[in-house]
């Protein structure tokens, strides 16, 4: 329990915006950028300091006028006064929202911020990648449909992402992503017996293409798996770098290659910068829920 003047400890708490069923990570100072559904592996804490605001009840209707006596006139006057007060407040709020001149403008930037990606249709719970032949969970609020162009390791791409740094020293954006696609040619694939060697080649490719150099790699998992009855291979690693101008100093990435019975296997690529380490848990959540179409 948090005492007076104490800051609640880091952990998962109900979404401060009040979104039902969602939680956000509190790092002891501020909230994470994205919310995630509460579920297995997410221990939700409670704190009156971080509790979402309670819904404001609607005002009670004015008392009904009673026949005769001074009390009825008082009730009528109170009701009229309350009605006028509500009308004034609503008018002020409406006019305030229509005011084209904001009180304070956001600071200008020499680089325009990237637009948010397209949102998934309401009710989306899974991403269906027909080209790759797999599906996996949609991660929820603030994850946008991937629309940032192709990546060299796949011949088509689907998935989700959110921006973690608007402008890097190279003038690009840095993102967290969960994407998939059919493996492109030239990475060593010649059947299920090459799953391990191919995924290691893919790991070398993404390491050299999408992260600051030089970087150090620590392998976390390097193992054969079965995905929905199909042979697969998982390669998960942690990268670390010391590059001025980057918000993140490392990233956790996981590559899952699945033999889906097509000419090209399906590649799933999940990456979470360490600025959002509270979301590392989505890696297992996605990998354990991959289905083959």
Protein backbone atom coordinates (compact mmCIF):
# COMPACT_ATOMS: atom_id res chain seq x y z
CA UNK A 1 0.00 0.00 0.00
CA UNK A 2 1.27 3.45 -0.84
CA UNK A 3 1.43 5.86 2.06
CA UNK A 4 0.88 9.63 1.92
CA UNK A 5 3.50 11.31 -0.24
CA UNK A 6 4.89 8.02 -1.54
CA UNK A 7 5.17 7.20 -5.24
CA UNK A 8 3.53 3.91 -6.31
CA UNK A 9 6.09 1.24 -7.29
CA UNK A 10 6.66 0.29 -10.95
CA UNK A 11 4.19 -2.24 -12.32
CA UNK A 12 1.04 -2.83 -14.36
CA UNK A 13 -1.96 -0.70 -13.36
CA UNK A 14 -5.44 -0.17 -14.86
CA UNK A 15 -5.26 2.13 -17.87
CA UNK A 16 -5.27 5.72 -16.54
CA UNK A 17 -7.56 6.74 -19.41
CA UNK A 18 -10.16 4.32 -18.07
CA UNK A 19 -10.20 1.96 -21.08
CA UNK A 20 -11.92 -1.24 -19.84
CA UNK A 21 -9.76 -4.37 -19.81
CA UNK A 22 -6.51 -2.53 -20.63
CA UNK A 23 -3.47 -1.87 -18.44
CA UNK A 24 -0.39 0.34 -18.77
CA UNK A 25 3.10 0.08 -17.31
CA UNK A 26 4.02 2.65 -14.62
CA UNK A 27 7.82 2.96 -14.31
CA UNK A 28 7.67 4.91 -11.06
CA UNK A 29 7.65 8.29 -12.84
CA UNK A 30 5.54 8.07 -16.01
CA UNK A 31 3.24 5.81 -18.04
CA UNK A 32 4.18 3.65 -21.02
CA UNK A 33 3.14 4.89 -24.46
CA UNK A 34 0.92 1.91 -25.20
CA UNK A 35 -1.74 -0.04 -23.34
CA UNK A 36 -2.03 -3.82 -23.40
CA UNK A 37 -4.90 -6.16 -22.52
CA UNK A 38 -4.79 -7.59 -19.01
CA UNK A 39 -4.25 -11.32 -19.11
CA UNK A 40 -1.93 -14.20 -18.21
CA UNK A 41 1.53 -13.00 -17.23
CA UNK A 42 0.32 -9.47 -16.47
CA UNK A 43 0.09 -8.94 -12.69
CA UNK A 44 -2.15 -5.91 -12.27
CA UNK A 45 -1.58 -3.77 -9.17
CA UNK A 46 -3.83 -1.16 -7.64
CA UNK A 47 -3.12 2.25 -6.17
CA UNK A 48 -5.51 5.06 -5.30
CA UNK A 49 -2.86 7.48 -6.62
CA UNK A 50 -2.93 5.86 -10.09
CA UNK A 51 -6.58 4.86 -10.19
CA UNK A 52 -8.47 5.93 -13.35
CA UNK A 53 -10.90 8.78 -12.79
CA UNK A 54 -14.38 7.76 -11.73
CA UNK A 55 -17.13 8.61 -14.20
CA UNK A 56 -18.92 11.83 -13.30
CA UNK A 57 -22.58 11.11 -12.47
CA UNK A 58 -25.15 13.18 -14.35
CA UNK A 59 -26.72 16.07 -12.39
CA UNK A 60 -29.92 15.23 -10.55
CA UNK A 61 -33.09 16.64 -12.12
CA UNK A 62 -34.69 19.62 -10.37
CA UNK A 63 -37.22 18.78 -7.67
CA UNK A 64 -40.82 18.58 -8.84
CA UNK A 65 -43.03 21.54 -7.98
CA UNK A 66 -45.36 20.80 -5.11
CA UNK A 67 -48.78 22.41 -4.85
CA UNK A 68 -48.84 25.45 -2.53
CA UNK A 69 -46.34 26.61 0.15
CA UNK A 70 -43.01 28.41 -0.05
CA UNK A 71 -41.10 25.14 -0.44
CA UNK A 72 -42.37 24.62 -3.99
CA UNK A 73 -41.15 28.05 -5.11
CA UNK A 74 -37.71 27.39 -3.61
CA UNK A 75 -37.46 24.07 -5.46
CA UNK A 76 -38.53 25.75 -8.71
CA UNK A 77 -35.91 28.48 -8.34
CA UNK A 78 -33.18 25.95 -7.56
CA UNK A 79 -34.16 23.91 -10.61
CA UNK A 80 -34.09 26.96 -12.91
CA UNK A 81 -30.74 28.07 -11.47
CA UNK A 82 -29.26 24.62 -12.02
CA UNK A 83 -30.56 24.56 -15.59
CA UNK A 84 -29.04 27.98 -16.33
CA UNK A 85 -25.72 26.95 -14.77
CA UNK A 86 -25.54 23.79 -16.89
CA UNK A 87 -26.42 25.76 -20.03
CA UNK A 88 -23.67 28.31 -19.32
CA UNK A 89 -21.07 25.58 -18.70
CA UNK A 90 -22.05 23.62 -21.82
CA UNK A 91 -21.98 26.80 -23.93
CA UNK A 92 -18.55 27.71 -22.57
CA UNK A 93 -17.18 24.24 -23.28
CA UNK A 94 -18.67 24.24 -26.77
CA UNK A 95 -17.26 27.68 -27.56
CA UNK A 96 -13.90 26.68 -26.10
CA UNK A 97 -13.70 23.65 -28.38
CA UNK A 98 -14.55 25.81 -31.38
CA UNK A 99 -11.82 28.36 -30.59
CA UNK A 100 -9.31 28.10 -33.46
CA UNK A 101 -6.53 29.70 -31.39
CA UNK A 102 -5.03 27.23 -28.88
CA UNK A 103 -3.68 28.55 -25.62
CA UNK A 104 -0.23 27.10 -26.22
CA UNK A 105 1.26 25.81 -29.46
CA UNK A 106 3.49 22.71 -29.37
CA UNK A 107 7.17 23.45 -29.94
CA UNK A 108 8.12 23.49 -33.60
CA UNK A 109 10.57 20.96 -35.03
CA UNK A 110 12.87 21.10 -38.01
CA UNK A 111 11.67 17.60 -38.88
CA UNK A 112 7.93 16.91 -39.37
CA UNK A 113 6.64 14.16 -37.11
CA UNK A 114 5.67 10.95 -38.93
CA UNK A 115 1.92 10.45 -39.30
CA UNK A 116 0.35 7.65 -37.31
CA UNK A 117 -0.21 4.53 -39.34
CA UNK A 118 -3.63 3.26 -40.38
CA UNK A 119 -5.73 1.78 -37.61
CA UNK A 120 -7.06 -1.76 -37.73
CA UNK A 121 -10.83 -2.22 -38.18
CA UNK A 122 -12.86 -2.22 -34.95
CA UNK A 123 -13.08 -5.69 -33.44
CA UNK A 124 -9.72 -6.87 -34.84
CA UNK A 125 -8.17 -9.46 -32.53
CA UNK A 126 -5.76 -11.23 -34.92
CA UNK A 127 -3.60 -10.25 -37.87
CA UNK A 128 -4.17 -12.55 -40.84
CA UNK A 129 -1.14 -12.67 -43.15
CA UNK A 130 -2.42 -14.55 -46.18
CA UNK A 131 0.81 -14.06 -48.11
CA UNK A 132 2.93 -15.70 -45.39
CA UNK A 133 0.32 -18.25 -44.35
CA UNK A 134 0.17 -17.41 -40.63
CA UNK A 135 -1.90 -15.40 -38.16
CA UNK A 136 -1.06 -13.97 -34.73
CA UNK A 137 -2.55 -11.63 -32.10
CA UNK A 138 -3.20 -7.95 -32.68
CA UNK A 139 -1.57 -6.20 -29.72
CA UNK A 140 -4.22 -3.54 -29.20
CA UNK A 141 -4.44 0.21 -28.69
CA UNK A 142 -1.68 2.37 -30.23
CA UNK A 143 -0.30 -0.44 -32.41
CA UNK A 144 -0.84 0.65 -36.02
CA UNK A 145 -1.08 -1.37 -39.20
CA UNK A 146 2.39 -1.62 -40.73
CA UNK A 147 2.72 0.75 -43.69
CA UNK A 148 6.41 1.69 -43.66
CA UNK A 149 7.45 -0.12 -46.83
CA UNK A 150 9.22 -3.39 -47.53
CA UNK A 151 12.02 -5.05 -45.62
CA UNK A 152 14.74 -7.02 -47.39
CA UNK A 153 14.07 -10.33 -45.61
CA UNK A 154 10.49 -10.78 -46.86
CA UNK A 155 8.76 -10.56 -50.25
CA UNK A 156 5.55 -9.10 -48.77
CA UNK A 157 4.88 -7.61 -45.35
CA UNK A 158 2.02 -7.36 -42.86
CA UNK A 159 1.80 -6.60 -39.17
CA UNK A 160 1.82 -3.81 -36.59
CA UNK A 161 4.11 -1.18 -35.13
CA UNK A 162 4.39 2.04 -33.13
CA UNK A 163 7.03 4.79 -33.23
CA UNK A 164 9.43 4.94 -30.25
CA UNK A 165 11.63 7.79 -31.55
CA UNK A 166 10.38 10.29 -34.11
CA UNK A 167 13.75 11.25 -35.61
CA UNK A 168 17.04 9.35 -35.25
CA UNK A 169 20.47 10.82 -36.07
CA UNK A 170 20.07 9.32 -39.56
CA UNK A 171 16.76 11.17 -40.04
CA UNK A 172 14.64 8.01 -39.82
CA UNK A 173 12.15 6.81 -37.22
CA UNK A 174 12.80 4.09 -34.65
CA UNK A 175 9.96 1.65 -34.02
CA UNK A 176 8.71 -1.34 -32.12
CA UNK A 177 7.29 -3.87 -34.55
CA UNK A 178 5.61 -7.22 -34.96
CA UNK A 179 5.60 -8.06 -38.67
CA UNK A 180 5.54 -11.08 -40.94
CA UNK A 181 5.90 -12.16 -44.53
CA UNK A 182 7.13 -14.91 -46.87
CA UNK A 183 10.90 -15.29 -46.65
CA UNK A 184 12.65 -13.75 -49.63
CA UNK A 185 15.05 -15.70 -51.83
CA UNK A 186 18.78 -15.77 -51.21
CA UNK A 187 18.81 -16.40 -47.46
CA UNK A 188 19.65 -20.10 -47.62
CA UNK A 189 16.22 -21.74 -47.48
CA UNK A 190 15.98 -25.16 -49.14
CA UNK A 191 13.51 -26.98 -46.88
CA UNK A 192 12.81 -27.77 -43.25
CA UNK A 193 16.33 -29.12 -42.69
CA UNK A 194 17.69 -25.58 -43.20
CA UNK A 195 15.43 -23.82 -40.68
CA UNK A 196 18.26 -23.27 -38.18
CA UNK A 197 20.90 -22.06 -40.64
CA UNK A 198 18.41 -19.83 -42.47
CA UNK A 199 17.12 -18.09 -39.34
CA UNK A 200 20.69 -17.31 -38.28
CA UNK A 201 21.34 -15.75 -41.67
CA UNK A 202 18.17 -13.67 -41.26
CA UNK A 203 19.32 -12.57 -37.77
CA UNK A 204 22.64 -11.37 -39.19
CA UNK A 205 20.76 -9.48 -41.91
CA UNK A 206 18.41 -7.57 -39.59
CA UNK A 207 21.23 -6.88 -37.13
CA UNK A 208 23.32 -5.18 -39.79
CA UNK A 209 20.43 -3.43 -41.56
CA UNK A 210 18.17 -1.93 -38.88
CA UNK A 211 20.29 -1.12 -35.82
CA UNK A 212 23.08 1.31 -34.90
CA UNK A 213 26.59 -0.01 -35.52
CA UNK A 214 28.60 -1.37 -33.86
CA UNK A 215 26.38 -3.43 -31.58
CA UNK A 216 26.76 -6.44 -29.33
CA UNK A 217 24.44 -9.44 -29.52
CA UNK A 218 23.46 -11.77 -26.69
CA UNK A 219 21.52 -14.84 -27.81
CA UNK A 220 18.57 -15.63 -25.52
CA UNK A 221 16.89 -18.54 -27.35
CA UNK A 222 18.10 -20.65 -30.26
CA UNK A 223 15.72 -23.59 -30.54
CA UNK A 224 13.58 -25.76 -32.78
CA UNK A 225 9.84 -25.55 -32.15
CA UNK A 226 6.52 -26.79 -33.43
CA UNK A 227 4.00 -24.14 -34.48
CA UNK A 228 0.46 -25.39 -35.01
CA UNK A 229 1.87 -28.81 -35.98
CA UNK A 230 4.51 -27.38 -38.36
CA UNK A 231 8.28 -27.39 -37.99
CA UNK A 232 9.70 -24.01 -36.96
CA UNK A 233 12.76 -22.38 -35.46
CA UNK A 234 13.01 -19.53 -32.92
CA UNK A 235 16.02 -17.22 -32.60
CA UNK A 236 15.75 -14.50 -29.92
CA UNK A 237 18.52 -12.07 -29.04
CA UNK A 238 19.31 -8.84 -27.19
CA UNK A 239 21.31 -6.10 -28.93
CA UNK A 240 23.23 -3.33 -27.15
CA UNK A 241 24.89 -0.23 -28.60
CA UNK A 242 26.31 3.12 -27.56
CA UNK A 243 25.17 5.55 -30.25
CA UNK A 244 24.66 9.27 -29.50
CA UNK A 245 21.27 10.63 -30.47
CA UNK A 246 19.34 7.39 -29.98
CA UNK A 247 16.77 7.18 -27.19
CA UNK A 248 17.29 3.41 -26.98
CA UNK A 249 20.61 1.80 -26.10
CA UNK A 250 19.43 -1.68 -27.04
CA UNK A 251 16.60 -3.83 -28.30
CA UNK A 252 15.18 -7.31 -27.84
CA UNK A 253 14.28 -9.09 -31.06
CA UNK A 254 12.80 -12.48 -31.89
CA UNK A 255 12.70 -14.21 -35.27
CA UNK A 256 10.40 -17.17 -35.86
CA UNK A 257 10.69 -19.10 -39.11
CA UNK A 258 7.83 -21.53 -39.85
CA UNK A 259 7.67 -24.17 -42.58
CA UNK A 260 4.07 -23.60 -43.67
CA UNK A 261 4.19 -26.09 -46.54
CA UNK A 262 4.69 -23.45 -49.22
CA UNK A 263 7.72 -22.68 -51.38
CA UNK A 264 8.74 -19.95 -48.92
CA UNK A 265 8.53 -20.28 -45.11
CA UNK A 266 6.80 -17.63 -43.02
CA UNK A 267 9.04 -15.20 -41.12
CA UNK A 268 7.73 -13.47 -37.99
CA UNK A 269 9.89 -10.58 -36.70
CA UNK A 270 9.23 -8.97 -33.30
CA UNK A 271 11.39 -6.14 -31.97
CA UNK A 272 11.00 -4.03 -28.80
CA UNK A 273 13.51 -1.21 -27.99
CA UNK A 274 14.69 -1.09 -24.36
CA UNK A 275 12.95 2.27 -23.94
CA UNK A 276 9.82 0.10 -23.78
CA UNK A 277 11.23 -2.92 -21.94
CA UNK A 278 7.95 -3.33 -20.08
CA UNK A 279 6.56 -4.71 -23.35
CA UNK A 280 9.11 -7.54 -23.73
CA UNK A 281 6.32 -9.88 -22.62
CA UNK A 282 4.47 -9.44 -25.92
CA UNK A 283 7.17 -11.55 -27.60
CA UNK A 284 6.07 -14.73 -25.84
CA UNK A 285 2.43 -13.74 -26.10
CA UNK A 286 2.65 -13.55 -29.90
CA UNK A 287 4.93 -16.53 -30.46
CA UNK A 288 2.77 -18.86 -28.36
CA UNK A 289 -0.34 -17.88 -30.33
CA UNK A 290 0.85 -18.19 -33.95
CA UNK A 291 -1.45 -20.27 -36.16
CA UNK A 292 -0.78 -21.62 -39.64
CA UNK A 293 -3.54 -20.77 -42.14
